[in-house]
Amino acid sequence: MDINDWRIRIDELNDELIALLNKRASFAVEIGKIKKQKGLPVLDAGREQAVLNLVAEKAAKAGGPLSPESFKNIFRVIIDETCKVEE
């Protein structure tokens, strides 16, 4: 395969990631509705830390070129952006 073939495959993965992130965000919208009904804050620092730790643990087990810390950084951004749709 040449560089263009690899880029096409990356573009296809990007499409899948967009769909998955939008699905995740739609779940967060529903969680936000429940939090509002119950008077809970949008940010749950304990849950956020648990998610980040679990992501790092799974990334370490999976192996690959990205480190567990890289995945934690990626998921911090995902969580931050998702919190915006929960409000």
PDB file of N, CA and C in Angstrom:
ATOM      1  N   MET A   1       0.853  -1.189   0.000  1.00  0.00           N
ATOM      2  CA  MET A   1       0.000   0.000   0.000  1.00  0.00           C
ATOM      3  C   MET A   1       0.888   1.238   0.000  1.00  0.00           C
ATOM      4  N   ASP A   2       0.402   2.259  -0.669  1.00  0.00           N
ATOM      5  CA  ASP A   2       1.152   3.508  -0.662  1.00  0.00           C
ATOM      6  C   ASP A   2       0.511   4.493   0.315  1.00  0.00           C
ATOM      7  N   ILE A   3       1.069   5.681   0.396  1.00  0.00           N
ATOM      8  CA  ILE A   3       0.627   6.686   1.370  1.00  0.00           C
ATOM      9  C   ILE A   3      -0.853   7.047   1.184  1.00  0.00           C
ATOM     10  N   ASN A   4      -1.303   7.132  -0.056  1.00  0.00           N
ATOM     11  CA  ASN A   4      -2.705   7.483  -0.310  1.00  0.00           C
ATOM     12  C   ASN A   4      -3.661   6.404   0.190  1.00  0.00           C
ATOM     13  N   ASP A   5      -3.254   5.151   0.045  1.00  0.00           N
ATOM     14  CA  ASP A   5      -4.073   4.058   0.565  1.00  0.00           C
ATOM     15  C   ASP A   5      -4.208   4.159   2.084  1.00  0.00           C
ATOM     16  N   TRP A   6      -3.109   4.439   2.747  1.00  0.00           N
ATOM     17  CA  TRP A   6      -3.145   4.594   4.205  1.00  0.00           C
ATOM     18  C   TRP A   6      -3.997   5.791   4.603  1.00  0.00           C
ATOM     19  N   ARG A   7      -3.904   6.857   3.851  1.00  0.00           N
ATOM     20  CA  ARG A   7      -4.704   8.047   4.158  1.00  0.00           C
ATOM     21  C   ARG A   7      -6.200   7.775   3.978  1.00  0.00           C
ATOM     22  N   ILE A   8      -6.539   7.012   2.976  1.00  0.00           N
ATOM     23  CA  ILE A   8      -7.943   6.644   2.775  1.00  0.00           C
ATOM     24  C   ILE A   8      -8.435   5.837   3.972  1.00  0.00           C
ATOM     25  N   ARG A   9      -7.625   4.909   4.435  1.00  0.00           N
ATOM     26  CA  ARG A   9      -8.010   4.100   5.600  1.00  0.00           C
ATOM     27  C   ARG A   9      -8.170   4.975   6.842  1.00  0.00           C
ATOM     28  N   ILE A  10      -7.288   5.958   7.010  1.00  0.00           N
ATOM     29  CA  ILE A  10      -7.406   6.881   8.139  1.00  0.00           C
ATOM     30  C   ILE A  10      -8.686   7.702   8.019  1.00  0.00           C
ATOM     31  N   ASP A  11      -8.988   8.166   6.819  1.00  0.00           N
ATOM     32  CA  ASP A  11     -10.224   8.927   6.609  1.00  0.00           C
ATOM     33  C   ASP A  11     -11.454   8.096   6.973  1.00  0.00           C
ATOM     34  N   GLU A  12     -11.437   6.828   6.622  1.00  0.00           N
ATOM     35  CA  GLU A  12     -12.548   5.941   6.975  1.00  0.00           C
ATOM     36  C   GLU A  12     -12.673   5.786   8.489  1.00  0.00           C
ATOM     37  N   LEU A  13     -11.541   5.642   9.164  1.00  0.00           N
ATOM     38  CA  LEU A  13     -11.555   5.566  10.623  1.00  0.00           C
ATOM     39  C   LEU A  13     -12.054   6.867  11.243  1.00  0.00           C
ATOM     40  N   ASN A  14     -11.666   7.984  10.654  1.00  0.00           N
ATOM     41  CA  ASN A  14     -12.148   9.274  11.157  1.00  0.00           C
ATOM     42  C   ASN A  14     -13.671   9.343  11.094  1.00  0.00           C
ATOM     43  N   ASP A  15     -14.241   8.838  10.011  1.00  0.00           N
ATOM     44  CA  ASP A  15     -15.708   8.809   9.887  1.00  0.00           C
ATOM     45  C   ASP A  15     -16.325   7.977  11.008  1.00  0.00           C
ATOM     46  N   GLU A  16     -15.722   6.831  11.297  1.00  0.00           N
ATOM     47  CA  GLU A  16     -16.220   5.979  12.379  1.00  0.00           C
ATOM     48  C   GLU A  16     -16.084   6.662  13.735  1.00  0.00           C
ATOM     49  N   LEU A  17     -14.958   7.322  13.947  1.00  0.00           N
ATOM     50  CA  LEU A  17     -14.749   8.037  15.210  1.00  0.00           C
ATOM     51  C   LEU A  17     -15.777   9.151  15.393  1.00  0.00           C
ATOM     52  N   ILE A  18     -16.067   9.879  14.331  1.00  0.00           N
ATOM     53  CA  ILE A  18     -17.071  10.949  14.410  1.00  0.00           C
ATOM     54  C   ILE A  18     -18.417  10.371  14.805  1.00  0.00           C
ATOM     55  N   ALA A  19     -18.808   9.268  14.189  1.00  0.00           N
ATOM     56  CA  ALA A  19     -20.090   8.644  14.514  1.00  0.00           C
ATOM     57  C   ALA A  19     -20.109   8.184  15.976  1.00  0.00           C
ATOM     58  N   LEU A  20     -19.038   7.577  16.428  1.00  0.00           N
ATOM     59  CA  LEU A  20     -18.974   7.089  17.806  1.00  0.00           C
ATOM     60  C   LEU A  20     -18.972   8.229  18.817  1.00  0.00           C
ATOM     61  N   LEU A  21     -18.244   9.288  18.523  1.00  0.00           N
ATOM     62  CA  LEU A  21     -18.210  10.428  19.446  1.00  0.00           C
ATOM     63  C   LEU A  21     -19.566  11.121  19.512  1.00  0.00           C
ATOM     64  N   ASN A  22     -20.262  11.203  18.388  1.00  0.00           N
ATOM     65  CA  ASN A  22     -21.608  11.777  18.408  1.00  0.00           C
ATOM     66  C   ASN A  22     -22.572  10.889  19.189  1.00  0.00           C
ATOM     67  N   LYS A  23     -22.420   9.590  19.068  1.00  0.00           N
ATOM     68  CA  LYS A  23     -23.251   8.664  19.838  1.00  0.00           C
ATOM     69  C   LYS A  23     -22.968   8.829  21.329  1.00  0.00           C
ATOM     70  N   ARG A  24     -21.700   8.934  21.685  1.00  0.00           N
ATOM     71  CA  ARG A  24     -21.313   9.144  23.087  1.00  0.00           C
ATOM     72  C   ARG A  24     -21.910  10.449  23.607  1.00  0.00           C
ATOM     73  N   ALA A  25     -21.840  11.500  22.789  1.00  0.00           N
ATOM     74  CA  ALA A  25     -22.383  12.801  23.191  1.00  0.00           C
ATOM     75  C   ALA A  25     -23.899  12.742  23.359  1.00  0.00           C
ATOM     76  N   SER A  26     -24.581  11.969  22.519  1.00  0.00           N
ATOM     77  CA  SER A  26     -26.034  11.861  22.670  1.00  0.00           C
ATOM     78  C   SER A  26     -26.388  11.156  23.980  1.00  0.00           C
ATOM     79  N   PHE A  27     -25.573  10.210  24.402  1.00  0.00           N
ATOM     80  CA  PHE A  27     -25.772   9.575  25.709  1.00  0.00           C
ATOM     81  C   PHE A  27     -25.563  10.601  26.818  1.00  0.00           C
ATOM     82  N   ALA A  28     -24.561  11.460  26.646  1.00  0.00           N
ATOM     83  CA  ALA A  28     -24.292  12.496  27.643  1.00  0.00           C
ATOM     84  C   ALA A  28     -25.449  13.476  27.753  1.00  0.00           C
ATOM     85  N   VAL A  29     -26.094  13.777  26.635  1.00  0.00           N
ATOM     86  CA  VAL A  29     -27.270  14.657  26.665  1.00  0.00           C
ATOM     87  C   VAL A  29     -28.337  14.044  27.571  1.00  0.00           C
ATOM     88  N   GLU A  30     -28.557  12.749  27.428  1.00  0.00           N
ATOM     89  CA  GLU A  30     -29.555  12.069  28.259  1.00  0.00           C
ATOM     90  C   GLU A  30     -29.145  12.074  29.732  1.00  0.00           C
ATOM     91  N   ILE A  31     -27.867  11.862  29.990  1.00  0.00           N
ATOM     92  CA  ILE A  31     -27.366  11.926  31.367  1.00  0.00           C
ATOM     93  C   ILE A  31     -27.558  13.331  31.919  1.00  0.00           C
ATOM     94  N   GLY A  32     -27.316  14.345  31.082  1.00  0.00           N
ATOM     95  CA  GLY A  32     -27.509  15.731  31.505  1.00  0.00           C
ATOM     96  C   GLY A  32     -28.941  16.010  31.917  1.00  0.00           C
ATOM     97  N   LYS A  33     -29.889  15.443  31.195  1.00  0.00           N
ATOM     98  CA  LYS A  33     -31.305  15.622  31.542  1.00  0.00           C
ATOM     99  C   LYS A  33     -31.600  15.029  32.918  1.00  0.00           C
ATOM    100  N   ILE A  34     -31.058  13.859  33.172  1.00  0.00           N
ATOM    101  CA  ILE A  34     -31.268  13.206  34.466  1.00  0.00           C
ATOM    102  C   ILE A  34     -30.621  14.026  35.583  1.00  0.00           C
ATOM    103  N   LYS A  35     -29.413  14.511  35.323  1.00  0.00           N
ATOM    104  CA  LYS A  35     -28.722  15.330  36.331  1.00  0.00           C
ATOM    105  C   LYS A  35     -29.534  16.585  36.660  1.00  0.00           C
ATOM    106  N   LYS A  36     -30.102  17.215  35.637  1.00  0.00           N
ATOM    107  CA  LYS A  36     -30.924  18.410  35.865  1.00  0.00           C
ATOM    108  C   LYS A  36     -32.136  18.085  36.726  1.00  0.00           C
ATOM    109  N   GLN A  37     -32.805  16.995  36.399  1.00  0.00           N
ATOM    110  CA  GLN A  37     -33.991  16.580  37.164  1.00  0.00           C
ATOM    111  C   GLN A  37     -33.650  16.332  38.623  1.00  0.00           C
ATOM    112  N   LYS A  38     -32.477  15.794  38.858  1.00  0.00           N
ATOM    113  CA  LYS A  38     -32.073  15.442  40.220  1.00  0.00           C
ATOM    114  C   LYS A  38     -31.263  16.537  40.910  1.00  0.00           C
ATOM    115  N   GLY A  39     -31.038  17.648  40.200  1.00  0.00           N
ATOM    116  CA  GLY A  39     -30.280  18.749  40.775  1.00  0.00           C
ATOM    117  C   GLY A  39     -28.804  18.432  40.984  1.00  0.00           C
ATOM    118  N   LEU A  40     -28.259  17.566  40.139  1.00  0.00           N
ATOM    119  CA  LEU A  40     -26.852  17.183  40.255  1.00  0.00           C
ATOM    120  C   LEU A  40     -25.987  18.083  39.379  1.00  0.00           C
ATOM    121  N   PRO A  41     -24.742  18.298  39.777  1.00  0.00           N
ATOM    122  CA  PRO A  41     -23.845  19.112  38.943  1.00  0.00           C
ATOM    123  C   PRO A  41     -23.450  18.358  37.677  1.00  0.00           C
ATOM    124  N   VAL A  42     -23.125  19.122  36.646  1.00  0.00           N
ATOM    125  CA  VAL A  42     -22.680  18.519  35.389  1.00  0.00           C
ATOM    126  C   VAL A  42     -21.373  17.771  35.615  1.00  0.00           C
ATOM    127  N   LEU A  43     -20.438  18.401  36.296  1.00  0.00           N
ATOM    128  CA  LEU A  43     -19.122  17.809  36.509  1.00  0.00           C
ATOM    129  C   LEU A  43     -19.148  16.869  37.707  1.00  0.00           C
ATOM    130  N   ASP A  44     -18.706  15.645  37.471  1.00  0.00           N
ATOM    131  CA  ASP A  44     -18.533  14.652  38.529  1.00  0.00           C
ATOM    132  C   ASP A  44     -17.074  14.239  38.482  1.00  0.00           C
ATOM    133  N   ALA A  45     -16.255  14.920  39.271  1.00  0.00           N
ATOM    134  CA  ALA A  45     -14.804  14.721  39.225  1.00  0.00           C
ATOM    135  C   ALA A  45     -14.409  13.282  39.524  1.00  0.00           C
ATOM    136  N   GLY A  46     -15.123  12.634  40.428  1.00  0.00           N
ATOM    137  CA  GLY A  46     -14.822  11.242  40.748  1.00  0.00           C
ATOM    138  C   GLY A  46     -15.045  10.325  39.565  1.00  0.00           C
ATOM    139  N   ARG A  47     -16.167  10.522  38.886  1.00  0.00           N
ATOM    140  CA  ARG A  47     -16.482   9.717  37.696  1.00  0.00           C
ATOM    141  C   ARG A  47     -15.465   9.990  36.596  1.00  0.00           C
ATOM    142  N   GLU A  48     -15.121  11.264  36.405  1.00  0.00           N
ATOM    143  CA  GLU A  48     -14.145  11.616  35.381  1.00  0.00           C
ATOM    144  C   GLU A  48     -12.817  10.908  35.634  1.00  0.00           C
ATOM    145  N   GLN A  49     -12.349  10.947  36.857  1.00  0.00           N
ATOM    146  CA  GLN A  49     -11.077  10.307  37.188  1.00  0.00           C
ATOM    147  C   GLN A  49     -11.157   8.796  36.998  1.00  0.00           C
ATOM    148  N   ALA A  50     -12.287   8.207  37.374  1.00  0.00           N
ATOM    149  CA  ALA A  50     -12.465   6.765  37.189  1.00  0.00           C
ATOM    150  C   ALA A  50     -12.413   6.390  35.709  1.00  0.00           C
ATOM    151  N   VAL A  51     -13.066   7.196  34.863  1.00  0.00           N
ATOM    152  CA  VAL A  51     -13.049   6.939  33.415  1.00  0.00           C
ATOM    153  C   VAL A  51     -11.630   7.049  32.881  1.00  0.00           C
ATOM    154  N   LEU A  52     -10.914   8.090  33.275  1.00  0.00           N
ATOM    155  CA  LEU A  52      -9.542   8.278  32.796  1.00  0.00           C
ATOM    156  C   LEU A  52      -8.637   7.128  33.236  1.00  0.00           C
ATOM    157  N   ASN A  53      -8.789   6.690  34.471  1.00  0.00           N
ATOM    158  CA  ASN A  53      -7.980   5.574  34.964  1.00  0.00           C
ATOM    159  C   ASN A  53      -8.288   4.290  34.206  1.00  0.00           C
ATOM    160  N   LEU A  54      -9.569   4.051  33.951  1.00  0.00           N
ATOM    161  CA  LEU A  54      -9.966   2.847  33.229  1.00  0.00           C
ATOM    162  C   LEU A  54      -9.459   2.878  31.786  1.00  0.00           C
ATOM    163  N   VAL A  55      -9.543   4.035  31.163  1.00  0.00           N
ATOM    164  CA  VAL A  55      -9.041   4.184  29.794  1.00  0.00           C
ATOM    165  C   VAL A  55      -7.536   3.894  29.757  1.00  0.00           C
ATOM    166  N   ALA A  56      -6.802   4.432  30.714  1.00  0.00           N
ATOM    167  CA  ALA A  56      -5.353   4.213  30.754  1.00  0.00           C
ATOM    168  C   ALA A  56      -5.038   2.734  30.982  1.00  0.00           C
ATOM    169  N   GLU A  57      -5.800   2.108  31.855  1.00  0.00           N
ATOM    170  CA  GLU A  57      -5.595   0.680  32.128  1.00  0.00           C
ATOM    171  C   GLU A  57      -5.859  -0.160  30.879  1.00  0.00           C
ATOM    172  N   LYS A  58      -6.963   0.129  30.197  1.00  0.00           N
ATOM    173  CA  LYS A  58      -7.292  -0.615  28.983  1.00  0.00           C
ATOM    174  C   LYS A  58      -6.269  -0.360  27.881  1.00  0.00           C
ATOM    175  N   ALA A  59      -5.792   0.870  27.773  1.00  0.00           N
ATOM    176  CA  ALA A  59      -4.785   1.206  26.765  1.00  0.00           C
ATOM    177  C   ALA A  59      -3.482   0.463  27.039  1.00  0.00           C
ATOM    178  N   ALA A  60      -3.111   0.355  28.309  1.00  0.00           N
ATOM    179  CA  ALA A  60      -1.886  -0.360  28.662  1.00  0.00           C
ATOM    180  C   ALA A  60      -2.002  -1.835  28.280  1.00  0.00           C
ATOM    181  N   LYS A  61      -3.160  -2.433  28.520  1.00  0.00           N
ATOM    182  CA  LYS A  61      -3.374  -3.841  28.181  1.00  0.00           C
ATOM    183  C   LYS A  61      -3.410  -4.051  26.674  1.00  0.00           C
ATOM    184  N   ALA A  62      -3.986  -3.086  25.959  1.00  0.00           N
ATOM    185  CA  ALA A  62      -4.130  -3.215  24.508  1.00  0.00           C
ATOM    186  C   ALA A  62      -2.795  -3.072  23.789  1.00  0.00           C
ATOM    187  N   GLY A  63      -1.886  -2.310  24.378  1.00  0.00           N
ATOM    188  CA  GLY A  63      -0.626  -2.041  23.699  1.00  0.00           C
ATOM    189  C   GLY A  63      -0.850  -1.097  22.530  1.00  0.00           C
ATOM    190  N   GLY A  64       0.167  -0.905  21.745  1.00  0.00           N
ATOM    191  CA  GLY A  64       0.043  -0.026  20.588  1.00  0.00           C
ATOM    192  C   GLY A  64       0.956   1.172  20.706  1.00  0.00           C
ATOM    193  N   PRO A  65       0.991   1.956  19.660  1.00  0.00           N
ATOM    194  CA  PRO A  65       1.916   3.085  19.649  1.00  0.00           C
ATOM    195  C   PRO A  65       1.521   4.237  20.569  1.00  0.00           C
ATOM    196  N   LEU A  66       0.241   4.349  20.932  1.00  0.00           N
ATOM    197  CA  LEU A  66      -0.163   5.424  21.838  1.00  0.00           C
ATOM    198  C   LEU A  66      -0.070   4.945  23.282  1.00  0.00           C
ATOM    199  N   SER A  67       0.483   5.789  24.119  1.00  0.00           N
ATOM    200  CA  SER A  67       0.662   5.445  25.530  1.00  0.00           C
ATOM    201  C   SER A  67      -0.643   5.604  26.301  1.00  0.00           C
ATOM    202  N   PRO A  68      -0.732   4.978  27.478  1.00  0.00           N
ATOM    203  CA  PRO A  68      -1.898   5.201  28.332  1.00  0.00           C
ATOM    204  C   PRO A  68      -2.103   6.690  28.640  1.00  0.00           C
ATOM    205  N   GLU A  69      -1.030   7.430  28.841  1.00  0.00           N
ATOM    206  CA  GLU A  69      -1.140   8.861  29.121  1.00  0.00           C
ATOM    207  C   GLU A  69      -1.708   9.605  27.915  1.00  0.00           C
ATOM    208  N   SER A  70      -1.345   9.184  26.715  1.00  0.00           N
ATOM    209  CA  SER A  70      -1.916   9.798  25.504  1.00  0.00           C
ATOM    210  C   SER A  70      -3.422   9.599  25.463  1.00  0.00           C
ATOM    211  N   PHE A  71      -3.861   8.385  25.801  1.00  0.00           N
ATOM    212  CA  PHE A  71      -5.301   8.129  25.825  1.00  0.00           C
ATOM    213  C   PHE A  71      -5.999   8.938  26.904  1.00  0.00           C
ATOM    214  N   LYS A  72      -5.354   9.104  28.039  1.00  0.00           N
ATOM    215  CA  LYS A  72      -5.948   9.948  29.085  1.00  0.00           C
ATOM    216  C   LYS A  72      -6.106  11.375  28.576  1.00  0.00           C
ATOM    217  N   ASN A  73      -5.106  11.879  27.883  1.00  0.00           N
ATOM    218  CA  ASN A  73      -5.187  13.241  27.336  1.00  0.00           C
ATOM    219  C   ASN A  73      -6.317  13.368  26.319  1.00  0.00           C
ATOM    220  N   ILE A  74      -6.444  12.389  25.440  1.00  0.00           N
ATOM    221  CA  ILE A  74      -7.510  12.399  24.439  1.00  0.00           C
ATOM    222  C   ILE A  74      -8.870  12.382  25.129  1.00  0.00           C
ATOM    223  N   PHE A  75      -9.016  11.516  26.129  1.00  0.00           N
ATOM    224  CA  PHE A  75     -10.303  11.395  26.798  1.00  0.00           C
ATOM    225  C   PHE A  75     -10.614  12.598  27.686  1.00  0.00           C
ATOM    226  N   ARG A  76      -9.615  13.300  28.165  1.00  0.00           N
ATOM    227  CA  ARG A  76      -9.879  14.549  28.895  1.00  0.00           C
ATOM    228  C   ARG A  76     -10.606  15.532  27.984  1.00  0.00           C
ATOM    229  N   VAL A  77     -10.140  15.639  26.758  1.00  0.00           N
ATOM    230  CA  VAL A  77     -10.782  16.540  25.792  1.00  0.00           C
ATOM    231  C   VAL A  77     -12.188  16.043  25.460  1.00  0.00           C
ATOM    232  N   ILE A  78     -12.337  14.751  25.255  1.00  0.00           N
ATOM    233  CA  ILE A  78     -13.662  14.195  24.959  1.00  0.00           C
ATOM    234  C   ILE A  78     -14.617  14.489  26.110  1.00  0.00           C
ATOM    235  N   ILE A  79     -14.169  14.273  27.325  1.00  0.00           N
ATOM    236  CA  ILE A  79     -15.011  14.527  28.499  1.00  0.00           C
ATOM    237  C   ILE A  79     -15.346  16.002  28.603  1.00  0.00           C
ATOM    238  N   ASP A  80     -14.358  16.866  28.418  1.00  0.00           N
ATOM    239  CA  ASP A  80     -14.616  18.310  28.491  1.00  0.00           C
ATOM    240  C   ASP A  80     -15.663  18.746  27.465  1.00  0.00           C
ATOM    241  N   GLU A  81     -15.528  18.258  26.243  1.00  0.00           N
ATOM    242  CA  GLU A  81     -16.471  18.633  25.191  1.00  0.00           C
ATOM    243  C   GLU A  81     -17.850  18.021  25.445  1.00  0.00           C
ATOM    244  N   THR A  82     -17.869  16.824  25.976  1.00  0.00           N
ATOM    245  CA  THR A  82     -19.132  16.167  26.279  1.00  0.00           C
ATOM    246  C   THR A  82     -19.880  16.891  27.396  1.00  0.00           C
ATOM    247  N   CYS A  83     -19.150  17.380  28.379  1.00  0.00           N
ATOM    248  CA  CYS A  83     -19.792  18.132  29.474  1.00  0.00           C
ATOM    249  C   CYS A  83     -20.542  19.346  28.935  1.00  0.00           C
ATOM    250  N   LYS A  84     -20.060  19.921  27.870  1.00  0.00           N
ATOM    251  CA  LYS A  84     -20.716  21.088  27.280  1.00  0.00           C
ATOM    252  C   LYS A  84     -22.113  20.756  26.774  1.00  0.00           C
ATOM    253  N   VAL A  85     -22.323  19.531  26.277  1.00  0.00           N
ATOM    254  CA  VAL A  85     -23.653  19.177  25.782  1.00  0.00           C
ATOM    255  C   VAL A  85     -24.572  18.698  26.902  1.00  0.00           C
ATOM    256  N   GLU A  86     -24.004  18.417  28.070  1.00  0.00           N
ATOM    257  CA  GLU A  86     -24.813  18.006  29.213  1.00  0.00           C
ATOM    258  C   GLU A  86     -25.517  19.197  29.847  1.00  0.00           C
ATOM    259  N   GLU A  87     -25.002  20.385  29.648  1.00  0.00           N
ATOM    260  CA  GLU A  87     -25.524  21.568  30.326  1.00  0.00           C
ATOM    261  C   GLU A  87     -26.883  21.968  29.823  1.00  0.00           C
TER     262      GLU A  87
END
